[in-house]
Structures are given as structure tokens and as C-alpha cells.
């Protein structure tokens, strides 16, 4: 599927209109529901196929962030053949009690995988946690960079962001619905 057609599919599948309260408390009249493209196996697979080209050489493990990054990392792993780690926001106090489940990250070059990056805050926090576990992390990949300071926040932490789409790619006007 061509990239421009894929962008139109993402918009058609995930753009909602109405009144939505955002995490910041701001009210938006459009909302980008990323779980809609993650729940569509055909669309998610096409996104992952395109994202595979964004994975930096030398990557040893893909690390998907809870919650939306988990679906994306699983699909991306299928296209790259790379093992996946699933990164929690906080370790559970039971079971394995691990912060990162799945593939081992200690001593390996890890690519952080996220669905949508806005401020980059969760990627920064999770990268710090992964580095504390011994991972080498210098890049992240996402489906959509909303271009609201996330890439800059990541750069300040030594992380290069690779995005399949920016907000301008999704509507051509440089404006994307809130998410």
C-alpha cells in the first residue's frame, strides 16, 4: 500500500468528530483515536510493513510501550523478525515483577516503539527505565508524531524520533485532530 493511501486510511479509520476532553483538560472537537487503527489487523499490518523501513540498522530488540505500543511492536516484529519486549509504565508487584517483559534488553540495542508521540513524556520515562535495565536506547519509532514538542524532548535525552507520519501528513494542512 502506498504511503499516501495509507495516510488516508488512518484518517478515515481513526479521526472522530464531537466534543472530547483531552488528558490536558483541553476540549477538542476532533479526536484521533489511535486504537481504531491498532484494532484493524489489515491496517495495522500495512502500517508495520511501512514502519519496518524506519528501524535503524543495528537494532536488536523492539520495545513497545504500554498500552498502544504493544500492538504496534508486535506487528512490527513480524515484519522485521526482531524480538519484542513489552514495557510497562510500572512493574507489577506479582508474577515476574518485571518492567520489561518478553525479550531481554540488558546489553542490547533497543528501539522504543510507540503509537502516537505528542509531548514525548512517556517515551522519555520508559527510555530511562530501559537504560536503567542496561539497554542501549538512542532511537524511537512511532506511527504518528503530532509535532507538539515530542521530537525535541526526545532529542534532549539523546533519542532520535523516526515517525511514519507527522500531523501534516494526515490532513495536508499541518493540523491533526487532538489525541
C-alpha atoms as a PDB file:
ATOM      1  CA  UNK A   1       0.000   0.000   0.000  1.00  0.00           C
ATOM      2  CA  UNK A   2       1.404   3.414  -0.941  1.00  0.00           C
ATOM      3  CA  UNK A   3       2.179   5.789   1.900  1.00  0.00           C
ATOM      4  CA  UNK A   4      -0.334   8.486   0.864  1.00  0.00           C
ATOM      5  CA  UNK A   5      -3.111   5.887   0.572  1.00  0.00           C
ATOM      6  CA  UNK A   6      -2.114   4.517   3.974  1.00  0.00           C
ATOM      7  CA  UNK A   7      -2.351   8.013   5.497  1.00  0.00           C
ATOM      8  CA  UNK A   8      -5.869   8.397   4.089  1.00  0.00           C
ATOM      9  CA  UNK A   9      -6.812   5.021   5.575  1.00  0.00           C
ATOM     10  CA  UNK A  10      -5.527   6.062   9.012  1.00  0.00           C
ATOM     11  CA  UNK A  11      -7.550   9.282   8.863  1.00  0.00           C
ATOM     12  CA  UNK A  12     -10.695   7.507   7.653  1.00  0.00           C
ATOM     13  CA  UNK A  13     -10.387   4.872  10.373  1.00  0.00           C
ATOM     14  CA  UNK A  14      -9.268   6.905  13.362  1.00  0.00           C
ATOM     15  CA  UNK A  15     -10.489  10.510  13.013  1.00  0.00           C
ATOM     16  CA  UNK A  16     -13.556  11.225  15.130  1.00  0.00           C
ATOM     17  CA  UNK A  17     -15.559  14.440  15.484  1.00  0.00           C
ATOM     18  CA  UNK A  18     -17.512  15.653  18.504  1.00  0.00           C
ATOM     19  CA  UNK A  19     -16.503  17.086  21.857  1.00  0.00           C
ATOM     20  CA  UNK A  20     -13.601  15.352  23.569  1.00  0.00           C
ATOM     21  CA  UNK A  21     -11.838  16.199  26.823  1.00  0.00           C
ATOM     22  CA  UNK A  22      -8.113  15.594  26.450  1.00  0.00           C
ATOM     23  CA  UNK A  23      -5.707  14.477  29.168  1.00  0.00           C
ATOM     24  CA  UNK A  24      -4.578  18.117  29.448  1.00  0.00           C
ATOM     25  CA  UNK A  25      -8.168  19.160  30.199  1.00  0.00           C
ATOM     26  CA  UNK A  26      -8.465  20.959  26.866  1.00  0.00           C
ATOM     27  CA  UNK A  27     -11.629  20.378  24.825  1.00  0.00           C
ATOM     28  CA  UNK A  28     -11.154  19.260  21.219  1.00  0.00           C
ATOM     29  CA  UNK A  29     -13.782  18.928  18.508  1.00  0.00           C
ATOM     30  CA  UNK A  30     -11.793  16.332  16.624  1.00  0.00           C
ATOM     31  CA  UNK A  31     -10.104  13.318  18.152  1.00  0.00           C
ATOM     32  CA  UNK A  32      -7.576  10.922  16.696  1.00  0.00           C
ATOM     33  CA  UNK A  33      -8.468   7.504  18.143  1.00  0.00           C
ATOM     34  CA  UNK A  34      -5.272   5.526  17.638  1.00  0.00           C
ATOM     35  CA  UNK A  35      -6.877   2.362  18.994  1.00  0.00           C
ATOM     36  CA  UNK A  36      -9.047   2.228  15.895  1.00  0.00           C
ATOM     37  CA  UNK A  37      -6.076   1.675  13.574  1.00  0.00           C
ATOM     38  CA  UNK A  38      -4.474  -0.657  16.098  1.00  0.00           C
ATOM     39  CA  UNK A  39      -7.646  -2.754  16.263  1.00  0.00           C
ATOM     40  CA  UNK A  40      -7.810  -3.149  12.476  1.00  0.00           C
ATOM     41  CA  UNK A  41      -5.439  -6.051  11.685  1.00  0.00           C
ATOM     42  CA  UNK A  42      -5.143  -5.259   7.984  1.00  0.00           C
ATOM     43  CA  UNK A  43      -4.403  -1.572   8.549  1.00  0.00           C
ATOM     44  CA  UNK A  44      -2.053  -2.273  11.461  1.00  0.00           C
ATOM     45  CA  UNK A  45      -0.139  -4.773   9.334  1.00  0.00           C
ATOM     46  CA  UNK A  46       0.207  -2.238   6.494  1.00  0.00           C
ATOM     47  CA  UNK A  47       1.466   0.389   8.961  1.00  0.00           C
ATOM     48  CA  UNK A  48       4.015  -2.032  10.412  1.00  0.00           C
ATOM     49  CA  UNK A  49       5.201  -3.008   6.940  1.00  0.00           C
ATOM     50  CA  UNK A  50       5.925   0.669   6.175  1.00  0.00           C
ATOM     51  CA  UNK A  51       7.473   1.255   9.609  1.00  0.00           C
ATOM     52  CA  UNK A  52       9.946  -1.604   9.113  1.00  0.00           C
ATOM     53  CA  UNK A  53      11.940   0.723   6.858  1.00  0.00           C
ATOM     54  CA  UNK A  54      12.353   3.155   9.767  1.00  0.00           C
ATOM     55  CA  UNK A  55      14.075   0.654  12.060  1.00  0.00           C
ATOM     56  CA  UNK A  56      17.713   1.735  12.432  1.00  0.00           C
ATOM     57  CA  UNK A  57      20.473  -0.697  11.468  1.00  0.00           C
ATOM     58  CA  UNK A  58      21.885  -2.467  14.496  1.00  0.00           C
ATOM     59  CA  UNK A  59      18.579  -2.661  16.373  1.00  0.00           C
ATOM     60  CA  UNK A  60      18.474  -5.880  18.396  1.00  0.00           C
ATOM     61  CA  UNK A  61      15.163  -5.566  20.265  1.00  0.00           C
ATOM     62  CA  UNK A  62      11.918  -3.693  19.647  1.00  0.00           C
ATOM     63  CA  UNK A  63      10.379  -2.358  22.871  1.00  0.00           C
ATOM     64  CA  UNK A  64       6.675  -1.496  22.756  1.00  0.00           C
ATOM     65  CA  UNK A  65       5.266   0.811  25.384  1.00  0.00           C
ATOM     66  CA  UNK A  66       2.129   0.042  27.346  1.00  0.00           C
ATOM     67  CA  UNK A  67      -0.593   0.183  26.023  1.00  0.00           C
ATOM     68  CA  UNK A  68      -0.822   1.270  22.384  1.00  0.00           C
ATOM     69  CA  UNK A  69       2.793   0.499  21.592  1.00  0.00           C
ATOM     70  CA  UNK A  70       2.197  -3.188  22.338  1.00  0.00           C
ATOM     71  CA  UNK A  71       0.007  -3.771  19.273  1.00  0.00           C
ATOM     72  CA  UNK A  72       2.377  -1.771  17.066  1.00  0.00           C
ATOM     73  CA  UNK A  73       5.533  -3.534  18.288  1.00  0.00           C
ATOM     74  CA  UNK A  74       4.007  -6.966  17.782  1.00  0.00           C
ATOM     75  CA  UNK A  75       3.084  -6.163  14.178  1.00  0.00           C
ATOM     76  CA  UNK A  76       6.458  -4.508  13.567  1.00  0.00           C
ATOM     77  CA  UNK A  77       8.294  -7.538  14.957  1.00  0.00           C
ATOM     78  CA  UNK A  78       6.501  -9.689  12.404  1.00  0.00           C
ATOM     79  CA  UNK A  79       7.898  -7.554   9.573  1.00  0.00           C
ATOM     80  CA  UNK A  80      11.428  -7.170  10.931  1.00  0.00           C
ATOM     81  CA  UNK A  81      11.956 -10.571  12.532  1.00  0.00           C
ATOM     82  CA  UNK A  82      13.287  -8.803  15.634  1.00  0.00           C
ATOM     83  CA  UNK A  83      12.347  -9.958  19.140  1.00  0.00           C
ATOM     84  CA  UNK A  84       9.996  -7.786  21.166  1.00  0.00           C
ATOM     85  CA  UNK A  85       9.903  -6.515  24.720  1.00  0.00           C
ATOM     86  CA  UNK A  86       6.720  -5.165  26.272  1.00  0.00           C
ATOM     87  CA  UNK A  87       7.409  -2.229  28.575  1.00  0.00           C
ATOM     88  CA  UNK A  88       5.069  -1.461  31.468  1.00  0.00           C
ATOM     89  CA  UNK A  89       4.670   2.004  32.965  1.00  0.00           C
ATOM     90  CA  UNK A  90       5.435   0.403  36.321  1.00  0.00           C
ATOM     91  CA  UNK A  91       6.447  -3.127  37.200  1.00  0.00           C
ATOM     92  CA  UNK A  92       3.696  -5.298  38.629  1.00  0.00           C
ATOM     93  CA  UNK A  93       4.338  -6.407  42.235  1.00  0.00           C
ATOM     94  CA  UNK A  94       3.493 -10.049  41.397  1.00  0.00           C
ATOM     95  CA  UNK A  95       4.399 -12.694  38.833  1.00  0.00           C
ATOM     96  CA  UNK A  96       7.743 -11.904  37.233  1.00  0.00           C
ATOM     97  CA  UNK A  97       7.574  -8.354  38.660  1.00  0.00           C
ATOM     98  CA  UNK A  98       9.444  -7.121  35.578  1.00  0.00           C
ATOM     99  CA  UNK A  99       9.183  -3.710  33.991  1.00  0.00           C
ATOM    100  CA  UNK A 100      10.062  -5.134  30.576  1.00  0.00           C
ATOM    101  CA  UNK A 101       8.525  -8.493  29.642  1.00  0.00           C
ATOM    102  CA  UNK A 102       9.479 -10.678  26.677  1.00  0.00           C
ATOM    103  CA  UNK A 103      12.896 -10.274  25.061  1.00  0.00           C
ATOM    104  CA  UNK A 104      15.864  -9.428  27.278  1.00  0.00           C
ATOM    105  CA  UNK A 105      17.091  -5.832  26.929  1.00  0.00           C
ATOM    106  CA  UNK A 106      20.241  -5.793  29.076  1.00  0.00           C
ATOM    107  CA  UNK A 107      23.301  -5.031  26.939  1.00  0.00           C
ATOM    108  CA  UNK A 108      21.258  -4.836  23.729  1.00  0.00           C
ATOM    109  CA  UNK A 109      20.448  -2.009  21.309  1.00  0.00           C
ATOM    110  CA  UNK A 110      16.749  -1.326  21.808  1.00  0.00           C
ATOM    111  CA  UNK A 111      14.341   0.672  19.662  1.00  0.00           C
ATOM    112  CA  UNK A 112      11.387   2.134  21.570  1.00  0.00           C
ATOM    113  CA  UNK A 113       8.090   1.701  19.689  1.00  0.00           C
ATOM    114  CA  UNK A 114       5.072   3.933  20.328  1.00  0.00           C
ATOM    115  CA  UNK A 115       1.810   4.588  18.505  1.00  0.00           C
ATOM    116  CA  UNK A 116       1.457   8.376  18.779  1.00  0.00           C
ATOM    117  CA  UNK A 117       4.008  10.844  20.178  1.00  0.00           C
ATOM    118  CA  UNK A 118       2.759  14.201  21.427  1.00  0.00           C
ATOM    119  CA  UNK A 119       4.999  15.580  24.191  1.00  0.00           C
ATOM    120  CA  UNK A 120       7.275  12.530  24.251  1.00  0.00           C
ATOM    121  CA  UNK A 121       6.922  12.255  28.011  1.00  0.00           C
ATOM    122  CA  UNK A 122       6.184   8.543  28.235  1.00  0.00           C
ATOM    123  CA  UNK A 123       8.923   7.666  25.744  1.00  0.00           C
ATOM    124  CA  UNK A 124      11.415   9.660  27.837  1.00  0.00           C
ATOM    125  CA  UNK A 125      10.326   7.945  31.075  1.00  0.00           C
ATOM    126  CA  UNK A 126      10.329   4.466  29.553  1.00  0.00           C
ATOM    127  CA  UNK A 127      13.708   5.049  27.902  1.00  0.00           C
ATOM    128  CA  UNK A 128      15.188   5.996  31.263  1.00  0.00           C
ATOM    129  CA  UNK A 129      13.751   2.791  32.737  1.00  0.00           C
ATOM    130  CA  UNK A 130      15.127   0.698  29.868  1.00  0.00           C
ATOM    131  CA  UNK A 131      18.545   2.303  30.235  1.00  0.00           C
ATOM    132  CA  UNK A 132      18.430   1.520  33.971  1.00  0.00           C
ATOM    133  CA  UNK A 133      17.895  -2.122  32.939  1.00  0.00           C
ATOM    134  CA  UNK A 134      21.080  -1.964  30.835  1.00  0.00           C
ATOM    135  CA  UNK A 135      19.557  -1.296  27.404  1.00  0.00           C
ATOM    136  CA  UNK A 136      21.236   0.938  24.859  1.00  0.00           C
ATOM    137  CA  UNK A 137      18.499   3.241  23.571  1.00  0.00           C
ATOM    138  CA  UNK A 138      19.142   6.082  21.147  1.00  0.00           C
ATOM    139  CA  UNK A 139      16.068   5.932  18.896  1.00  0.00           C
ATOM    140  CA  UNK A 140      12.309   5.613  18.949  1.00  0.00           C
ATOM    141  CA  UNK A 141       9.774   4.992  16.211  1.00  0.00           C
ATOM    142  CA  UNK A 142       6.093   5.894  16.102  1.00  0.00           C
ATOM    143  CA  UNK A 143       3.153   5.767  13.738  1.00  0.00           C
ATOM    144  CA  UNK A 144       2.308   9.466  14.228  1.00  0.00           C
ATOM    145  CA  UNK A 145       4.361  12.407  15.510  1.00  0.00           C
ATOM    146  CA  UNK A 146       1.814  15.097  16.387  1.00  0.00           C
ATOM    147  CA  UNK A 147       4.643  17.666  16.218  1.00  0.00           C
ATOM    148  CA  UNK A 148       3.897  19.138  19.628  1.00  0.00           C
ATOM    149  CA  UNK A 149       7.409  19.032  21.070  1.00  0.00           C
ATOM    150  CA  UNK A 150       7.907  15.289  21.383  1.00  0.00           C
ATOM    151  CA  UNK A 151      10.823  15.007  18.959  1.00  0.00           C
ATOM    152  CA  UNK A 152      12.591  17.882  20.699  1.00  0.00           C
ATOM    153  CA  UNK A 153      12.018  16.387  24.169  1.00  0.00           C
ATOM    154  CA  UNK A 154      13.415  13.072  22.966  1.00  0.00           C
ATOM    155  CA  UNK A 155      16.419  14.729  21.317  1.00  0.00           C
ATOM    156  CA  UNK A 156      17.250  16.357  24.668  1.00  0.00           C
ATOM    157  CA  UNK A 157      17.527  12.803  26.062  1.00  0.00           C
ATOM    158  CA  UNK A 158      19.708  11.575  23.182  1.00  0.00           C
ATOM    159  CA  UNK A 159      16.832   9.833  21.372  1.00  0.00           C
ATOM    160  CA  UNK A 160      16.136  10.305  17.662  1.00  0.00           C
ATOM    161  CA  UNK A 161      12.452  10.007  16.732  1.00  0.00           C
ATOM    162  CA  UNK A 162      11.512   8.295  13.464  1.00  0.00           C
ATOM    163  CA  UNK A 163       7.831   8.812  12.568  1.00  0.00           C
ATOM    164  CA  UNK A 164       5.881   7.129   9.807  1.00  0.00           C
ATOM    165  CA  UNK A 165       3.562  10.149   9.661  1.00  0.00           C
ATOM    166  CA  UNK A 166       3.535  13.668  11.034  1.00  0.00           C
ATOM    167  CA  UNK A 167       0.341  15.550  11.717  1.00  0.00           C
ATOM    168  CA  UNK A 168       0.761  17.463   8.453  1.00  0.00           C
ATOM    169  CA  UNK A 169       0.905  14.186   6.522  1.00  0.00           C
ATOM    170  CA  UNK A 170      -2.549  13.245   7.770  1.00  0.00           C
ATOM    171  CA  UNK A 171      -4.503  16.216   6.534  1.00  0.00           C
ATOM    172  CA  UNK A 172      -2.120  18.284   4.458  1.00  0.00           C
ATOM    173  CA  UNK A 173      -2.864  21.427   6.440  1.00  0.00           C
ATOM    174  CA  UNK A 174      -0.286  20.928   9.191  1.00  0.00           C
ATOM    175  CA  UNK A 175      -3.094  20.347  11.687  1.00  0.00           C
ATOM    176  CA  UNK A 176      -4.109  16.995  13.118  1.00  0.00           C
ATOM    177  CA  UNK A 177      -7.019  16.232  15.388  1.00  0.00           C
ATOM    178  CA  UNK A 178      -6.152  16.003  19.062  1.00  0.00           C
ATOM    179  CA  UNK A 179      -5.450  12.644  20.649  1.00  0.00           C
END
